[in-house]
Each structure stands twice: as structure tokens, then as C-alpha cells.
C-alpha atoms as a PDB file:
ATOM      1  CA  UNK A   1     -24.006 -12.108   1.799  1.00  0.00           C
ATOM      2  CA  UNK A   2     -21.666 -10.732  -0.191  1.00  0.00           C
ATOM      3  CA  UNK A   3     -17.693  -9.480   0.684  1.00  0.00           C
ATOM      4  CA  UNK A   4     -17.028  -6.489   2.642  1.00  0.00           C
ATOM      5  CA  UNK A   5     -16.800  -3.373   0.315  1.00  0.00           C
ATOM      6  CA  UNK A   6     -13.374  -2.239   0.078  1.00  0.00           C
ATOM      7  CA  UNK A   7     -13.519   1.713   0.842  1.00  0.00           C
ATOM      8  CA  UNK A   8     -10.368   2.329  -0.494  1.00  0.00           C
ATOM      9  CA  UNK A   9     -11.072   0.805  -3.487  1.00  0.00           C
ATOM     10  CA  UNK A  10     -14.571   3.029  -3.816  1.00  0.00           C
ATOM     11  CA  UNK A  11     -12.321   5.769  -3.263  1.00  0.00           C
ATOM     12  CA  UNK A  12      -9.715   4.987  -5.905  1.00  0.00           C
ATOM     13  CA  UNK A  13     -12.917   4.875  -8.506  1.00  0.00           C
ATOM     14  CA  UNK A  14     -14.214   7.777  -7.341  1.00  0.00           C
ATOM     15  CA  UNK A  15     -11.396   9.464  -8.504  1.00  0.00           C
ATOM     16  CA  UNK A  16      -9.956  11.199  -4.704  1.00  0.00           C
ATOM     17  CA  UNK A  17      -7.170  11.998  -3.661  1.00  0.00           C
ATOM     18  CA  UNK A  18      -6.273  10.379  -0.243  1.00  0.00           C
ATOM     19  CA  UNK A  19      -3.189  10.611   2.039  1.00  0.00           C
ATOM     20  CA  UNK A  20      -2.132   7.876   4.342  1.00  0.00           C
ATOM     21  CA  UNK A  21       0.213   6.924   7.032  1.00  0.00           C
ATOM     22  CA  UNK A  22       2.601   3.953   7.374  1.00  0.00           C
ATOM     23  CA  UNK A  23       2.726   1.527  10.039  1.00  0.00           C
ATOM     24  CA  UNK A  24       6.052   0.044  11.353  1.00  0.00           C
ATOM     25  CA  UNK A  25       5.766  -0.908  14.755  1.00  0.00           C
ATOM     26  CA  UNK A  26       4.130  -4.479  14.459  1.00  0.00           C
ATOM     27  CA  UNK A  27       2.371  -4.075  16.988  1.00  0.00           C
ATOM     28  CA  UNK A  28      -1.451  -3.802  17.689  1.00  0.00           C
ATOM     29  CA  UNK A  29      -2.009  -1.509  20.356  1.00  0.00           C
ATOM     30  CA  UNK A  30       0.134   1.663  18.638  1.00  0.00           C
ATOM     31  CA  UNK A  31      -1.971   0.560  14.628  1.00  0.00           C
ATOM     32  CA  UNK A  32      -5.207   0.707  17.273  1.00  0.00           C
ATOM     33  CA  UNK A  33      -4.133   4.128  17.862  1.00  0.00           C
ATOM     34  CA  UNK A  34      -3.125   5.305  14.621  1.00  0.00           C
ATOM     35  CA  UNK A  35      -6.553   4.294  13.427  1.00  0.00           C
ATOM     36  CA  UNK A  36      -7.736   6.981  15.806  1.00  0.00           C
ATOM     37  CA  UNK A  37      -5.973   9.599  13.796  1.00  0.00           C
ATOM     38  CA  UNK A  38      -7.843  10.207  10.783  1.00  0.00           C
ATOM     39  CA  UNK A  39      -6.160   9.228   7.988  1.00  0.00           C
ATOM     40  CA  UNK A  40      -7.500   8.060   4.791  1.00  0.00           C
ATOM     41  CA  UNK A  41      -5.929   4.704   4.957  1.00  0.00           C
ATOM     42  CA  UNK A  42      -2.863   3.090   6.925  1.00  0.00           C
ATOM     43  CA  UNK A  43      -0.327   0.737   5.447  1.00  0.00           C
ATOM     44  CA  UNK A  44       0.729  -2.239   7.745  1.00  0.00           C
ATOM     45  CA  UNK A  45       4.313  -2.791   6.445  1.00  0.00           C
ATOM     46  CA  UNK A  46       5.767  -6.007   6.314  1.00  0.00           C
ATOM     47  CA  UNK A  47       8.678  -5.343   3.741  1.00  0.00           C
ATOM     48  CA  UNK A  48      11.143  -3.447   6.216  1.00  0.00           C
ATOM     49  CA  UNK A  49       8.934  -3.830   9.397  1.00  0.00           C
ATOM     50  CA  UNK A  50       8.897  -6.935  11.944  1.00  0.00           C
ATOM     51  CA  UNK A  51       6.068  -8.191  10.978  1.00  0.00           C
ATOM     52  CA  UNK A  52       4.920 -11.714  10.221  1.00  0.00           C
ATOM     53  CA  UNK A  53       1.050 -13.362   9.558  1.00  0.00           C
ATOM     54  CA  UNK A  54      -0.072 -13.048  12.995  1.00  0.00           C
ATOM     55  CA  UNK A  55       0.997  -9.714  13.801  1.00  0.00           C
ATOM     56  CA  UNK A  56      -0.790  -8.215  10.551  1.00  0.00           C
ATOM     57  CA  UNK A  57      -3.761 -10.401  11.357  1.00  0.00           C
ATOM     58  CA  UNK A  58      -3.604  -8.843  14.926  1.00  0.00           C
ATOM     59  CA  UNK A  59      -3.518  -5.377  13.158  1.00  0.00           C
ATOM     60  CA  UNK A  60      -6.516  -5.908  10.906  1.00  0.00           C
ATOM     61  CA  UNK A  61      -8.354  -6.833  13.622  1.00  0.00           C
ATOM     62  CA  UNK A  62      -7.425  -4.023  15.615  1.00  0.00           C
ATOM     63  CA  UNK A  63      -8.311  -1.787  12.635  1.00  0.00           C
ATOM     64  CA  UNK A  64     -11.457  -3.593  12.227  1.00  0.00           C
ATOM     65  CA  UNK A  65     -13.298  -0.572  14.027  1.00  0.00           C
ATOM     66  CA  UNK A  66     -11.764   2.577  12.537  1.00  0.00           C
ATOM     67  CA  UNK A  67     -12.741   4.848   9.733  1.00  0.00           C
ATOM     68  CA  UNK A  68      -9.385   3.908   8.169  1.00  0.00           C
ATOM     69  CA  UNK A  69      -9.268   1.460   5.659  1.00  0.00           C
ATOM     70  CA  UNK A  70      -5.838  -1.156   5.824  1.00  0.00           C
ATOM     71  CA  UNK A  71      -3.393  -2.092   3.292  1.00  0.00           C
ATOM     72  CA  UNK A  72      -0.635  -4.704   3.903  1.00  0.00           C
ATOM     73  CA  UNK A  73       2.253  -4.115   2.212  1.00  0.00           C
ATOM     74  CA  UNK A  74       3.789  -8.058   1.453  1.00  0.00           C
ATOM     75  CA  UNK A  75       7.634  -8.391   1.764  1.00  0.00           C
ATOM     76  CA  UNK A  76       7.924  -9.657  -1.715  1.00  0.00           C
ATOM     77  CA  UNK A  77       5.786 -10.563  -4.685  1.00  0.00           C
ATOM     78  CA  UNK A  78       5.268 -13.941  -4.174  1.00  0.00           C
ATOM     79  CA  UNK A  79       1.628 -15.779  -5.004  1.00  0.00           C
ATOM     80  CA  UNK A  80       1.541 -17.876  -1.233  1.00  0.00           C
ATOM     81  CA  UNK A  81       2.195 -14.936   0.877  1.00  0.00           C
ATOM     82  CA  UNK A  82      -0.687 -12.614  -0.867  1.00  0.00           C
ATOM     83  CA  UNK A  83      -3.024 -15.846  -0.506  1.00  0.00           C
ATOM     84  CA  UNK A  84      -2.460 -15.814   3.175  1.00  0.00           C
ATOM     85  CA  UNK A  85      -2.691 -11.990   3.532  1.00  0.00           C
ATOM     86  CA  UNK A  86      -6.141 -11.907   1.746  1.00  0.00           C
ATOM     87  CA  UNK A  87      -7.033 -15.125   4.068  1.00  0.00           C
ATOM     88  CA  UNK A  88      -6.419 -13.097   6.811  1.00  0.00           C
ATOM     89  CA  UNK A  89      -8.325 -10.141   5.912  1.00  0.00           C
ATOM     90  CA  UNK A  90      -6.356  -7.869   3.915  1.00  0.00           C
ATOM     91  CA  UNK A  91      -8.771  -6.910   0.792  1.00  0.00           C
ATOM     92  CA  UNK A  92      -5.586  -4.398  -0.490  1.00  0.00           C
ATOM     93  CA  UNK A  93      -2.291  -5.874  -1.252  1.00  0.00           C
ATOM     94  CA  UNK A  94       0.629  -3.408  -1.634  1.00  0.00           C
ATOM     95  CA  UNK A  95       3.657  -5.228  -3.510  1.00  0.00           C
ATOM     96  CA  UNK A  96       7.117  -3.792  -3.993  1.00  0.00           C
ATOM     97  CA  UNK A  97       9.577  -4.128  -6.525  1.00  0.00           C
ATOM     98  CA  UNK A  98       7.792  -4.573  -9.559  1.00  0.00           C
ATOM     99  CA  UNK A  99       9.492  -4.834 -12.656  1.00  0.00           C
ATOM    100  CA  UNK A 100       7.458  -6.333 -15.936  1.00  0.00           C
ATOM    101  CA  UNK A 101       4.293  -6.573 -17.352  1.00  0.00           C
ATOM    102  CA  UNK A 102       4.805 -10.546 -16.411  1.00  0.00           C
ATOM    103  CA  UNK A 103       4.792  -9.797 -12.877  1.00  0.00           C
ATOM    104  CA  UNK A 104       1.980  -7.339 -12.594  1.00  0.00           C
ATOM    105  CA  UNK A 105       0.047 -10.217 -14.144  1.00  0.00           C
ATOM    106  CA  UNK A 106       1.038 -12.564 -11.728  1.00  0.00           C
ATOM    107  CA  UNK A 107       0.280 -10.193  -9.151  1.00  0.00           C
ATOM    108  CA  UNK A 108      -3.592  -9.597 -10.239  1.00  0.00           C
ATOM    109  CA  UNK A 109      -3.875 -13.682 -10.845  1.00  0.00           C
ATOM    110  CA  UNK A 110      -2.559 -14.355  -7.064  1.00  0.00           C
ATOM    111  CA  UNK A 111      -5.282 -11.867  -5.866  1.00  0.00           C
ATOM    112  CA  UNK A 112      -8.060 -13.862  -8.035  1.00  0.00           C
ATOM    113  CA  UNK A 113      -9.633 -17.421  -7.214  1.00  0.00           C
ATOM    114  CA  UNK A 114      -9.948 -19.869 -10.290  1.00  0.00           C
ATOM    115  CA  UNK A 115     -10.693 -19.646 -13.269  1.00  0.00           C
ATOM    116  CA  UNK A 116      -9.313 -16.466 -14.026  1.00  0.00           C
ATOM    117  CA  UNK A 117      -6.702 -16.388 -11.075  1.00  0.00           C
ATOM    118  CA  UNK A 118      -4.493 -18.813  -8.821  1.00  0.00           C
ATOM    119  CA  UNK A 119      -6.005 -17.767  -5.260  1.00  0.00           C
ATOM    120  CA  UNK A 120      -5.793 -21.227  -3.261  1.00  0.00           C
ATOM    121  CA  UNK A 121      -9.542 -22.299  -2.316  1.00  0.00           C
ATOM    122  CA  UNK A 122      -9.446 -22.560   1.485  1.00  0.00           C
ATOM    123  CA  UNK A 123     -11.528 -19.393   2.713  1.00  0.00           C
ATOM    124  CA  UNK A 124     -14.545 -21.553   4.612  1.00  0.00           C
ATOM    125  CA  UNK A 125     -12.176 -21.332   7.844  1.00  0.00           C
ATOM    126  CA  UNK A 126     -10.498 -18.309   7.320  1.00  0.00           C
ATOM    127  CA  UNK A 127     -10.920 -14.873   8.966  1.00  0.00           C
ATOM    128  CA  UNK A 128     -11.416 -13.724   5.476  1.00  0.00           C
ATOM    129  CA  UNK A 129     -14.857 -14.904   5.259  1.00  0.00           C
ATOM    130  CA  UNK A 130     -15.712 -14.310   8.706  1.00  0.00           C
ATOM    131  CA  UNK A 131     -15.276 -18.337   9.389  1.00  0.00           C
ATOM    132  CA  UNK A 132     -17.903 -18.576   6.819  1.00  0.00           C
ATOM    133  CA  UNK A 133     -20.599 -16.592   7.871  1.00  0.00           C
ATOM    134  CA  UNK A 134     -20.301 -14.395   4.203  1.00  0.00           C
ATOM    135  CA  UNK A 135     -21.826 -17.051   2.703  1.00  0.00           C
ATOM    136  CA  UNK A 136     -21.186 -15.342  -0.595  1.00  0.00           C
ATOM    137  CA  UNK A 137     -17.644 -14.641  -0.053  1.00  0.00           C
ATOM    138  CA  UNK A 138     -15.875 -16.647  -2.712  1.00  0.00           C
ATOM    139  CA  UNK A 139     -18.131 -15.215  -5.499  1.00  0.00           C
ATOM    140  CA  UNK A 140     -17.691 -11.796  -4.429  1.00  0.00           C
ATOM    141  CA  UNK A 141     -14.306 -11.306  -3.081  1.00  0.00           C
ATOM    142  CA  UNK A 142     -12.289 -10.766  -6.317  1.00  0.00           C
ATOM    143  CA  UNK A 143     -14.541  -7.360  -7.105  1.00  0.00           C
ATOM    144  CA  UNK A 144     -13.322  -5.948  -3.507  1.00  0.00           C
ATOM    145  CA  UNK A 145      -9.536  -6.406  -3.341  1.00  0.00           C
ATOM    146  CA  UNK A 146      -7.459  -3.740  -4.477  1.00  0.00           C
ATOM    147  CA  UNK A 147      -3.982  -4.179  -5.911  1.00  0.00           C
ATOM    148  CA  UNK A 148      -1.172  -1.558  -5.836  1.00  0.00           C
ATOM    149  CA  UNK A 149       1.802  -2.489  -7.398  1.00  0.00           C
ATOM    150  CA  UNK A 150       5.400  -0.465  -6.294  1.00  0.00           C
ATOM    151  CA  UNK A 151       7.830   0.604  -9.487  1.00  0.00           C
ATOM    152  CA  UNK A 152      10.740   1.736  -7.360  1.00  0.00           C
ATOM    153  CA  UNK A 153      13.524   1.090 -10.185  1.00  0.00           C
ATOM    154  CA  UNK A 154      14.850   1.711 -13.359  1.00  0.00           C
ATOM    155  CA  UNK A 155      13.901  -1.718 -14.651  1.00  0.00           C
ATOM    156  CA  UNK A 156      10.129  -0.937 -13.127  1.00  0.00           C
ATOM    157  CA  UNK A 157       9.896   2.938 -15.062  1.00  0.00           C
ATOM    158  CA  UNK A 158      11.580   0.571 -17.955  1.00  0.00           C
ATOM    159  CA  UNK A 159       8.399  -1.974 -18.054  1.00  0.00           C
ATOM    160  CA  UNK A 160       6.103   0.726 -16.821  1.00  0.00           C
ATOM    161  CA  UNK A 161       3.793   0.647 -20.284  1.00  0.00           C
ATOM    162  CA  UNK A 162       3.536  -2.898 -19.814  1.00  0.00           C
ATOM    163  CA  UNK A 163       2.697  -3.109 -15.956  1.00  0.00           C
ATOM    164  CA  UNK A 164       0.153  -0.199 -16.741  1.00  0.00           C
ATOM    165  CA  UNK A 165      -1.559  -2.385 -19.587  1.00  0.00           C
ATOM    166  CA  UNK A 166      -2.746  -4.904 -16.874  1.00  0.00           C
ATOM    167  CA  UNK A 167      -5.912  -5.155 -16.497  1.00  0.00           C
ATOM    168  CA  UNK A 168      -7.129  -5.811 -12.519  1.00  0.00           C
ATOM    169  CA  UNK A 169      -4.093  -3.146 -11.201  1.00  0.00           C
ATOM    170  CA  UNK A 170      -6.013  -0.511  -9.515  1.00  0.00           C
ATOM    171  CA  UNK A 171      -2.874   1.843  -7.731  1.00  0.00           C
ATOM    172  CA  UNK A 172       1.128   1.789  -9.329  1.00  0.00           C
ATOM    173  CA  UNK A 173       3.062   3.310  -6.214  1.00  0.00           C
ATOM    174  CA  UNK A 174       6.480   5.232  -7.130  1.00  0.00           C
ATOM    175  CA  UNK A 175       8.569   4.384  -4.287  1.00  0.00           C
ATOM    176  CA  UNK A 176      11.103   7.270  -4.216  1.00  0.00           C
ATOM    177  CA  UNK A 177      13.798   5.838  -1.624  1.00  0.00           C
ATOM    178  CA  UNK A 178      14.378   2.907  -3.808  1.00  0.00           C
ATOM    179  CA  UNK A 179      14.064   4.586  -6.991  1.00  0.00           C
ATOM    180  CA  UNK A 180      16.113   7.593  -6.004  1.00  0.00           C
ATOM    181  CA  UNK A 181      19.369   4.574  -4.937  1.00  0.00           C
ATOM    182  CA  UNK A 182      18.903   2.669  -8.047  1.00  0.00           C
ATOM    183  CA  UNK A 183      19.407   5.855 -10.032  1.00  0.00           C
ATOM    184  CA  UNK A 184      22.551   6.858  -8.446  1.00  0.00           C
ATOM    185  CA  UNK A 185      20.946   9.547  -6.067  1.00  0.00           C
ATOM    186  CA  UNK A 186      20.778   7.404  -2.546  1.00  0.00           C
ATOM    187  CA  UNK A 187      19.227   8.969   0.148  1.00  0.00           C
ATOM    188  CA  UNK A 188      18.417  11.825  -2.088  1.00  0.00           C
ATOM    189  CA  UNK A 189      14.528  11.098  -3.447  1.00  0.00           C
ATOM    190  CA  UNK A 190      14.372  14.772  -3.852  1.00  0.00           C
ATOM    191  CA  UNK A 191      17.198  15.192  -6.544  1.00  0.00           C
ATOM    192  CA  UNK A 192      16.300  17.049  -9.347  1.00  0.00           C
ATOM    193  CA  UNK A 193      16.494  14.364 -11.599  1.00  0.00           C
ATOM    194  CA  UNK A 194      14.629  12.024  -9.674  1.00  0.00           C
ATOM    195  CA  UNK A 195      11.908  14.646  -9.097  1.00  0.00           C
ATOM    196  CA  UNK A 196      11.559  14.764 -12.551  1.00  0.00           C
ATOM    197  CA  UNK A 197      11.438  11.257 -13.312  1.00  0.00           C
ATOM    198  CA  UNK A 198       8.830  10.941 -10.639  1.00  0.00           C
ATOM    199  CA  UNK A 199       6.555  13.476 -11.832  1.00  0.00           C
ATOM    200  CA  UNK A 200       6.577  12.241 -15.424  1.00  0.00           C
ATOM    201  CA  UNK A 201       5.684   8.594 -14.195  1.00  0.00           C
ATOM    202  CA  UNK A 202       2.652  10.009 -11.867  1.00  0.00           C
ATOM    203  CA  UNK A 203       1.662  11.516 -15.536  1.00  0.00           C
ATOM    204  CA  UNK A 204       1.697   7.940 -17.091  1.00  0.00           C
ATOM    205  CA  UNK A 205       0.011   5.981 -14.312  1.00  0.00           C
ATOM    206  CA  UNK A 206      -2.650   8.793 -14.435  1.00  0.00           C
ATOM    207  CA  UNK A 207      -3.278   8.689 -18.245  1.00  0.00           C
ATOM    208  CA  UNK A 208      -3.410   4.907 -18.426  1.00  0.00           C
ATOM    209  CA  UNK A 209      -6.269   5.155 -15.949  1.00  0.00           C
ATOM    210  CA  UNK A 210      -4.572   3.926 -12.826  1.00  0.00           C
ATOM    211  CA  UNK A 211      -4.120   5.961  -9.497  1.00  0.00           C
ATOM    212  CA  UNK A 212      -0.693   7.022  -9.132  1.00  0.00           C
ATOM    213  CA  UNK A 213       0.734   6.968  -5.295  1.00  0.00           C
ATOM    214  CA  UNK A 214       3.806   7.789  -3.577  1.00  0.00           C
ATOM    215  CA  UNK A 215       5.225   8.349  -0.170  1.00  0.00           C
ATOM    216  CA  UNK A 216       6.953  11.753   1.238  1.00  0.00           C
ATOM    217  CA  UNK A 217       7.629  13.072   4.329  1.00  0.00           C
ATOM    218  CA  UNK A 218       8.392  15.989   2.820  1.00  0.00           C
ATOM    219  CA  UNK A 219       5.371  18.482   2.690  1.00  0.00           C
ATOM    220  CA  UNK A 220       6.674  20.647  -0.029  1.00  0.00           C
ATOM    221  CA  UNK A 221       7.426  17.175  -2.097  1.00  0.00           C
ATOM    222  CA  UNK A 222       4.247  15.688  -1.329  1.00  0.00           C
ATOM    223  CA  UNK A 223       2.141  18.846  -2.651  1.00  0.00           C
ATOM    224  CA  UNK A 224       4.217  18.534  -5.689  1.00  0.00           C
ATOM    225  CA  UNK A 225       3.791  15.192  -6.303  1.00  0.00           C
ATOM    226  CA  UNK A 226      -0.260  15.775  -5.764  1.00  0.00           C
ATOM    227  CA  UNK A 227       0.321  18.713  -8.603  1.00  0.00           C
ATOM    228  CA  UNK A 228       1.659  15.763 -10.818  1.00  0.00           C
ATOM    229  CA  UNK A 229      -1.430  14.059 -10.537  1.00  0.00           C
ATOM    230  CA  UNK A 230      -0.737  11.641  -7.132  1.00  0.00           C
ATOM    231  CA  UNK A 231      -3.821  10.232  -5.294  1.00  0.00           C
ATOM    232  CA  UNK A 232      -2.683   7.709  -3.025  1.00  0.00           C
ATOM    233  CA  UNK A 233      -0.517   9.762  -0.684  1.00  0.00           C
ATOM    234  CA  UNK A 234       1.960   8.442   2.071  1.00  0.00           C
ATOM    235  CA  UNK A 235       2.814  11.587   4.413  1.00  0.00           C
ATOM    236  CA  UNK A 236       3.631   9.974   7.262  1.00  0.00           C
ATOM    237  CA  UNK A 237       5.192   6.942   9.103  1.00  0.00           C
ATOM    238  CA  UNK A 238       4.129   5.807  12.374  1.00  0.00           C
ATOM    239  CA  UNK A 239       8.011   5.446  14.102  1.00  0.00           C
ATOM    240  CA  UNK A 240       9.057   8.770  12.564  1.00  0.00           C
ATOM    241  CA  UNK A 241       6.000  10.914  14.090  1.00  0.00           C
ATOM    242  CA  UNK A 242       6.372   9.407  17.498  1.00  0.00           C
ATOM    243  CA  UNK A 243      10.364   9.795  17.484  1.00  0.00           C
ATOM    244  CA  UNK A 244       9.729  13.487  16.275  1.00  0.00           C
ATOM    245  CA  UNK A 245       7.337  14.206  18.520  1.00  0.00           C
ATOM    246  CA  UNK A 246       9.001  13.157  21.536  1.00  0.00           C
ATOM    247  CA  UNK A 247      12.462  14.605  20.622  1.00  0.00           C
ATOM    248  CA  UNK A 248      10.502  18.323  20.004  1.00  0.00           C
ATOM    249  CA  UNK A 249       9.086  17.378  23.449  1.00  0.00           C
ATOM    250  CA  UNK A 250      12.504  16.720  24.848  1.00  0.00           C
ATOM    251  CA  UNK A 251      13.933  19.806  23.397  1.00  0.00           C
ATOM    252  CA  UNK A 252      11.001  22.044  24.878  1.00  0.00           C
ATOM    253  CA  UNK A 253      11.646  20.760  28.390  1.00  0.00           C
ATOM    254  CA  UNK A 254      15.075  19.199  28.906  1.00  0.00           C
ATOM    255  CA  UNK A 255      17.811  21.972  29.244  1.00  0.00           C
ATOM    256  CA  UNK A 256      20.671  21.225  26.959  1.00  0.00           C
ATOM    257  CA  UNK A 257      24.403  21.305  28.553  1.00  0.00           C
END
């Protein structure tokens, strides 16, 4: 039996444009609810959310029956962290703050078993192999891993050609908030200078045969990014979605004094 098919990677390869949501509550219950919402994919975030290995494992379990494929964003691009996320069942990995071709190559190797990579060999006791019930897991797992690298700084943009030249990278995702701050426009990812840089970068990613990705909570900005070639587009964050819905309901029913 081979490793499970990565449905998100399938959609990458098909050329589909997909829309997803960031998960930041770090709770299996809310993640299970978000898994019923109908998004094309869901990102379990451990860079800016209070997630750890156990909470991520529990959320992967909560999403097992969901039609929305899961992605895990690791807090930092370290091979040992990626190894643990893969072992608990992640098949799509998002790495923040990638700023060189060498770093991109290391991330590919971290997602790949020897002799081509450095992923630790210990799948027999892990959730990824369904605890040894997927007999051909090690022989087939590499082909089902999707690797998404985040470019979100001026250094990352300067190294973009080197990053795009690395085989095994499926998607390059622009982090607009960090990029805007690094370009001198903190809190303003819609600044014309930032927007021009993003649109240009999306085009370069697409031209290199990688999937261009981005996050925007502004419908207008998201549409402009799709027009520029973005195909992996985050349009919501669970915490913000709840907060805004709650505020709108309260405003509707609570009299302001």
C-alpha cells in the first residue's frame, strides 16, 4: 500500500487556483469546525500561533475526515522540526522566511528520505505510516509531500531566482505583511510599492513553473493577486473570522450608549 495521495499537490499539478484559511486557535475542536466550512485547504500555523507537536497532531486527526487538505506551517525552517511534522502526518509543509537557494535546497532535503534527502528514518512507529499499516510508505512518501516556501523579505526577493531554480519546491508563497514591514511600510501591505513588488514576484514564480501563493484578507487585493497569477490564496484567518462575526452580531443587537 502506498502513501496517501496528497490532494493539494494534485491540485497544484492540475493548475487549479485554490482558496484557503489560516488556523490559529491551536485547538482541535475549532479546527474540526473549520474543516466543514468548504475551503480548498487549511493551514495549521505554528509560527505565530500557540501550537506544538501534540496540538498539530490532534488537528491533523481532526481534519482526517475533512475534504479540505491540511498544510502545516512550521515556526522556522529547521530539518528536525519538519521531520516531526511529517511523522505526525503532515503531507504539505509551509516554511517561513526563506532567503536563499541554499536554504530552499535544505528544506527539500528535509522533506525527502535518503539517499536523496535527510529525513530521519523512523516511520514504522509514526502516524504518517498509519503505524506500519502503510507497508510501502517509505518508498512512496516523497512523491506525496508538497513543499511551500515563504518569501517575505527584501533578501528573499533578491534570492528569488535561486529559490525558484530548486527542484522539489511546489509553491512559493509571498508573505505580504512581513514584506511590507521590511520594505519600510509596516502594517501597510497594500502600499503601491509593496503591491508592485508582489505582482512582479507572482509573475516570476508562475513563469518558473511554481505555484504562486499569497495571503490577503482584502477581497479587492486578493482579486488583484489572482489576476497577477496567484493560485494558492489564503483569504481568511479563523481567529479574525470569529472576532468579526461576533463584533457584527453584538453591534446588531447591543444598543450603543
